[in-house]
Amino acid sequence: MLSCEEVTQLVSESLDRELSLRQRVSTKMHLMMCRLCSRYNKQLAGLREAFRLHAMREEDIDIYPASLSSEARQRIKQALHHTSREPH
């Protein structure tokens, strides 16, 4: 049977690569019997889901501010220049 240290290592590795059948079975058996490792597994899964949701939300947010076309900038400059010449 795997130790808690081995199981936590395998649980972490399973995020980056597929475990062998033997590793998956041994890990699942250990997780069914060990409350602490099971909690660790759930916490890691929760973190992964939170990061996934955050990444999805970031993709929906346009982080680059809208920019004006050169024509719009020119019109604004002309309007400001024209306004600054008018007497107040």
N, C-alpha and C. Protein backbone atom coordinates (compact mmCIF):
# COMPACT_ATOMS: atom_id res chain seq x y z
N MET A 1 0.84 -1.18 0.00
CA MET A 1 0.00 0.00 0.00
C MET A 1 0.89 1.24 0.00
N LEU A 2 0.41 2.27 -0.70
CA LEU A 2 1.16 3.51 -0.81
C LEU A 2 1.10 4.30 0.49
N SER A 3 2.16 5.04 0.75
CA SER A 3 2.17 5.93 1.91
C SER A 3 1.45 7.23 1.56
N CYS A 4 1.12 8.01 2.57
CA CYS A 4 0.47 9.30 2.34
C CYS A 4 1.36 10.21 1.49
N GLU A 5 2.64 10.18 1.75
CA GLU A 5 3.58 11.00 0.98
C GLU A 5 3.56 10.60 -0.50
N GLU A 6 3.54 9.31 -0.76
CA GLU A 6 3.49 8.84 -2.15
C GLU A 6 2.18 9.23 -2.83
N VAL A 7 1.09 9.13 -2.08
CA VAL A 7 -0.22 9.45 -2.65
C VAL A 7 -0.33 10.93 -2.96
N THR A 8 0.11 11.79 -2.05
CA THR A 8 0.04 13.22 -2.33
C THR A 8 0.89 13.58 -3.54
N GLN A 9 2.03 12.92 -3.68
CA GLN A 9 2.87 13.15 -4.85
C GLN A 9 2.15 12.72 -6.13
N LEU A 10 1.53 11.55 -6.08
CA LEU A 10 0.82 11.05 -7.26
C LEU A 10 -0.41 11.90 -7.60
N VAL A 11 -1.11 12.36 -6.56
CA VAL A 11 -2.27 13.22 -6.79
C VAL A 11 -1.81 14.50 -7.50
N SER A 12 -0.71 15.07 -7.05
CA SER A 12 -0.17 16.27 -7.70
C SER A 12 0.27 15.98 -9.13
N GLU A 13 0.96 14.88 -9.31
CA GLU A 13 1.43 14.51 -10.65
C GLU A 13 0.27 14.25 -11.61
N SER A 14 -0.84 13.75 -11.07
CA SER A 14 -1.98 13.43 -11.93
C SER A 14 -2.57 14.67 -12.60
N LEU A 15 -2.25 15.84 -12.07
CA LEU A 15 -2.70 17.08 -12.71
C LEU A 15 -1.94 17.36 -13.99
N ASP A 16 -0.72 16.83 -14.07
CA ASP A 16 0.16 17.12 -15.21
C ASP A 16 0.29 15.96 -16.19
N ARG A 17 0.03 14.77 -15.71
CA ARG A 17 0.19 13.60 -16.59
C ARG A 17 -0.79 12.52 -16.16
N GLU A 18 -1.03 11.59 -17.07
CA GLU A 18 -1.91 10.46 -16.75
C GLU A 18 -1.11 9.42 -15.98
N LEU A 19 -1.66 9.00 -14.86
CA LEU A 19 -1.00 7.97 -14.06
C LEU A 19 -1.22 6.60 -14.71
N SER A 20 -0.33 5.68 -14.38
CA SER A 20 -0.51 4.31 -14.87
C SER A 20 -1.73 3.71 -14.18
N LEU A 21 -2.24 2.64 -14.75
CA LEU A 21 -3.40 1.97 -14.16
C LEU A 21 -3.10 1.56 -12.72
N ARG A 22 -1.95 1.00 -12.50
CA ARG A 22 -1.56 0.57 -11.15
C ARG A 22 -1.52 1.76 -10.18
N GLN A 23 -0.95 2.86 -10.63
CA GLN A 23 -0.89 4.05 -9.77
C GLN A 23 -2.28 4.59 -9.47
N ARG A 24 -3.15 4.62 -10.48
CA ARG A 24 -4.52 5.11 -10.27
C ARG A 24 -5.27 4.24 -9.28
N VAL A 25 -5.18 2.93 -9.44
CA VAL A 25 -5.89 2.01 -8.54
C VAL A 25 -5.35 2.13 -7.12
N SER A 26 -4.04 2.13 -6.98
CA SER A 26 -3.43 2.24 -5.65
C SER A 26 -3.79 3.55 -4.98
N THR A 27 -3.78 4.62 -5.76
CA THR A 27 -4.12 5.94 -5.22
C THR A 27 -5.57 5.97 -4.78
N LYS A 28 -6.47 5.47 -5.62
CA LYS A 28 -7.90 5.47 -5.27
C LYS A 28 -8.17 4.64 -4.02
N MET A 29 -7.51 3.50 -3.91
CA MET A 29 -7.69 2.66 -2.71
C MET A 29 -7.25 3.42 -1.47
N HIS A 30 -6.11 4.06 -1.57
CA HIS A 30 -5.59 4.82 -0.43
C HIS A 30 -6.55 5.96 -0.08
N LEU A 31 -7.05 6.67 -1.11
CA LEU A 31 -7.95 7.80 -0.87
C LEU A 31 -9.26 7.35 -0.21
N MET A 32 -9.71 6.13 -0.49
CA MET A 32 -10.93 5.62 0.13
C MET A 32 -10.72 5.35 1.62
N MET A 33 -9.49 5.08 2.01
CA MET A 33 -9.21 4.73 3.41
C MET A 33 -8.62 5.87 4.21
N CYS A 34 -8.02 6.85 3.55
CA CYS A 34 -7.30 7.90 4.27
C CYS A 34 -8.04 9.24 4.14
N ARG A 35 -8.57 9.67 5.25
CA ARG A 35 -9.35 10.91 5.27
C ARG A 35 -8.49 12.13 4.93
N LEU A 36 -7.26 12.18 5.42
CA LEU A 36 -6.40 13.34 5.17
C LEU A 36 -5.99 13.44 3.71
N CYS A 37 -5.61 12.34 3.11
CA CYS A 37 -5.24 12.36 1.69
C CYS A 37 -6.45 12.66 0.81
N SER A 38 -7.60 12.15 1.21
CA SER A 38 -8.83 12.43 0.48
C SER A 38 -9.14 13.92 0.53
N ARG A 39 -8.95 14.52 1.69
CA ARG A 39 -9.16 15.97 1.83
C ARG A 39 -8.18 16.74 0.96
N TYR A 40 -6.92 16.31 0.96
CA TYR A 40 -5.90 16.94 0.12
C TYR A 40 -6.30 16.87 -1.35
N ASN A 41 -6.76 15.70 -1.77
CA ASN A 41 -7.19 15.50 -3.16
C ASN A 41 -8.34 16.44 -3.51
N LYS A 42 -9.32 16.57 -2.61
CA LYS A 42 -10.46 17.46 -2.85
C LYS A 42 -10.03 18.92 -2.90
N GLN A 43 -9.11 19.30 -2.01
CA GLN A 43 -8.63 20.68 -2.00
C GLN A 43 -7.88 21.00 -3.29
N LEU A 44 -7.06 20.08 -3.74
CA LEU A 44 -6.31 20.28 -4.98
C LEU A 44 -7.27 20.39 -6.17
N ALA A 45 -8.29 19.54 -6.18
CA ALA A 45 -9.29 19.59 -7.25
C ALA A 45 -10.05 20.92 -7.21
N GLY A 46 -10.35 21.40 -6.00
CA GLY A 46 -11.03 22.69 -5.85
C GLY A 46 -10.18 23.84 -6.35
N LEU A 47 -8.90 23.80 -6.03
CA LEU A 47 -7.99 24.84 -6.52
C LEU A 47 -7.89 24.83 -8.04
N ARG A 48 -7.79 23.65 -8.58
CA ARG A 48 -7.70 23.53 -10.04
C ARG A 48 -8.95 24.10 -10.71
N GLU A 49 -10.11 23.80 -10.15
CA GLU A 49 -11.36 24.32 -10.70
C GLU A 49 -11.42 25.84 -10.56
N ALA A 50 -10.98 26.36 -9.42
CA ALA A 50 -10.98 27.81 -9.22
C ALA A 50 -10.07 28.50 -10.24
N PHE A 51 -8.89 27.94 -10.46
CA PHE A 51 -7.98 28.51 -11.46
C PHE A 51 -8.58 28.43 -12.86
N ARG A 52 -9.25 27.32 -13.15
CA ARG A 52 -9.87 27.16 -14.47
C ARG A 52 -10.95 28.21 -14.69
N LEU A 53 -11.80 28.41 -13.67
CA LEU A 53 -12.86 29.40 -13.78
C LEU A 53 -12.30 30.80 -13.89
N HIS A 54 -11.25 31.08 -13.13
CA HIS A 54 -10.62 32.41 -13.19
C HIS A 54 -10.04 32.65 -14.58
N ALA A 55 -9.39 31.64 -15.13
CA ALA A 55 -8.81 31.78 -16.47
C ALA A 55 -9.90 32.02 -17.51
N MET A 56 -11.02 31.34 -17.36
CA MET A 56 -12.13 31.53 -18.30
C MET A 56 -12.67 32.95 -18.20
N ARG A 57 -12.78 33.45 -16.97
CA ARG A 57 -13.29 34.81 -16.76
C ARG A 57 -12.32 35.83 -17.34
N GLU A 58 -11.02 35.61 -17.17
CA GLU A 58 -10.01 36.52 -17.72
C GLU A 58 -10.09 36.58 -19.24
N GLU A 59 -10.41 35.46 -19.87
CA GLU A 59 -10.52 35.44 -21.33
C GLU A 59 -11.69 36.29 -21.80
N ASP A 60 -12.73 36.40 -20.97
CA ASP A 60 -13.91 37.18 -21.34
C ASP A 60 -13.69 38.68 -21.16
N ILE A 61 -12.70 39.04 -20.36
CA ILE A 61 -12.44 40.45 -20.08
C ILE A 61 -11.42 40.97 -21.08
N ASP A 62 -11.76 42.06 -21.73
CA ASP A 62 -10.82 42.67 -22.66
C ASP A 62 -9.86 43.52 -21.84
N ILE A 63 -8.63 43.07 -21.71
CA ILE A 63 -7.67 43.78 -20.87
C ILE A 63 -7.04 44.97 -21.59
N TYR A 64 -7.28 45.09 -22.87
CA TYR A 64 -6.72 46.21 -23.62
C TYR A 64 -7.81 47.27 -23.79
N PRO A 65 -7.55 48.50 -23.36
CA PRO A 65 -8.57 49.53 -23.50
C PRO A 65 -8.85 49.83 -24.97
N ALA A 66 -10.05 50.25 -25.21
CA ALA A 66 -10.43 50.59 -26.58
C ALA A 66 -9.57 51.76 -27.05
N SER A 67 -9.13 51.70 -28.27
CA SER A 67 -8.32 52.79 -28.80
C SER A 67 -9.10 53.52 -29.88
N LEU A 68 -8.82 54.79 -30.00
CA LEU A 68 -9.49 55.60 -31.00
C LEU A 68 -8.80 55.46 -32.34
N SER A 69 -9.58 55.58 -33.37
CA SER A 69 -8.99 55.57 -34.71
C SER A 69 -8.21 56.86 -34.89
N SER A 70 -7.32 56.87 -35.83
CA SER A 70 -6.53 58.08 -36.07
C SER A 70 -7.43 59.23 -36.51
N GLU A 71 -8.50 58.93 -37.24
CA GLU A 71 -9.44 59.97 -37.66
C GLU A 71 -10.13 60.60 -36.45
N ALA A 72 -10.55 59.76 -35.52
CA ALA A 72 -11.22 60.27 -34.32
C ALA A 72 -10.26 61.13 -33.50
N ARG A 73 -9.02 60.69 -33.37
CA ARG A 73 -8.03 61.49 -32.64
C ARG A 73 -7.81 62.85 -33.31
N GLN A 74 -7.76 62.84 -34.63
CA GLN A 74 -7.56 64.08 -35.37
C GLN A 74 -8.74 65.03 -35.16
N ARG A 75 -9.97 64.50 -35.18
CA ARG A 75 -11.15 65.34 -34.95
C ARG A 75 -11.13 65.94 -33.55
N ILE A 76 -10.73 65.17 -32.57
CA ILE A 76 -10.66 65.67 -31.19
C ILE A 76 -9.61 66.77 -31.10
N LYS A 77 -8.45 66.55 -31.70
CA LYS A 77 -7.39 67.57 -31.68
C LYS A 77 -7.88 68.87 -32.33
N GLN A 78 -8.57 68.73 -33.46
CA GLN A 78 -9.08 69.92 -34.14
C GLN A 78 -10.11 70.63 -33.28
N ALA A 79 -10.99 69.86 -32.64
CA ALA A 79 -12.01 70.47 -31.79
C ALA A 79 -11.37 71.17 -30.60
N LEU A 80 -10.38 70.57 -30.00
CA LEU A 80 -9.68 71.20 -28.87
C LEU A 80 -8.94 72.44 -29.33
N HIS A 81 -8.30 72.36 -30.47
CA HIS A 81 -7.56 73.51 -31.00
C HIS A 81 -8.53 74.65 -31.30
N HIS A 82 -9.67 74.31 -31.91
CA HIS A 82 -10.67 75.31 -32.25
C HIS A 82 -11.24 75.94 -30.98
N THR A 83 -11.52 75.13 -29.97
CA THR A 83 -12.09 75.61 -28.72
C THR A 83 -11.11 76.51 -27.99
N SER A 84 -9.84 76.19 -28.02
CA SER A 84 -8.84 76.98 -27.30
C SER A 84 -8.65 78.36 -27.93
N ARG A 85 -9.03 78.55 -29.19
CA ARG A 85 -8.89 79.84 -29.87
C ARG A 85 -10.08 80.76 -29.60
N GLU A 86 -11.21 80.18 -29.18
CA GLU A 86 -12.40 80.99 -28.94
C GLU A 86 -12.23 81.79 -27.66
N PRO A 87 -12.67 83.05 -27.66
CA PRO A 87 -12.60 83.85 -26.44
C PRO A 87 -13.61 83.35 -25.42
N HIS A 88 -13.24 83.43 -24.16
CA HIS A 88 -14.13 82.97 -23.07
C HIS A 88 -14.80 84.12 -22.42
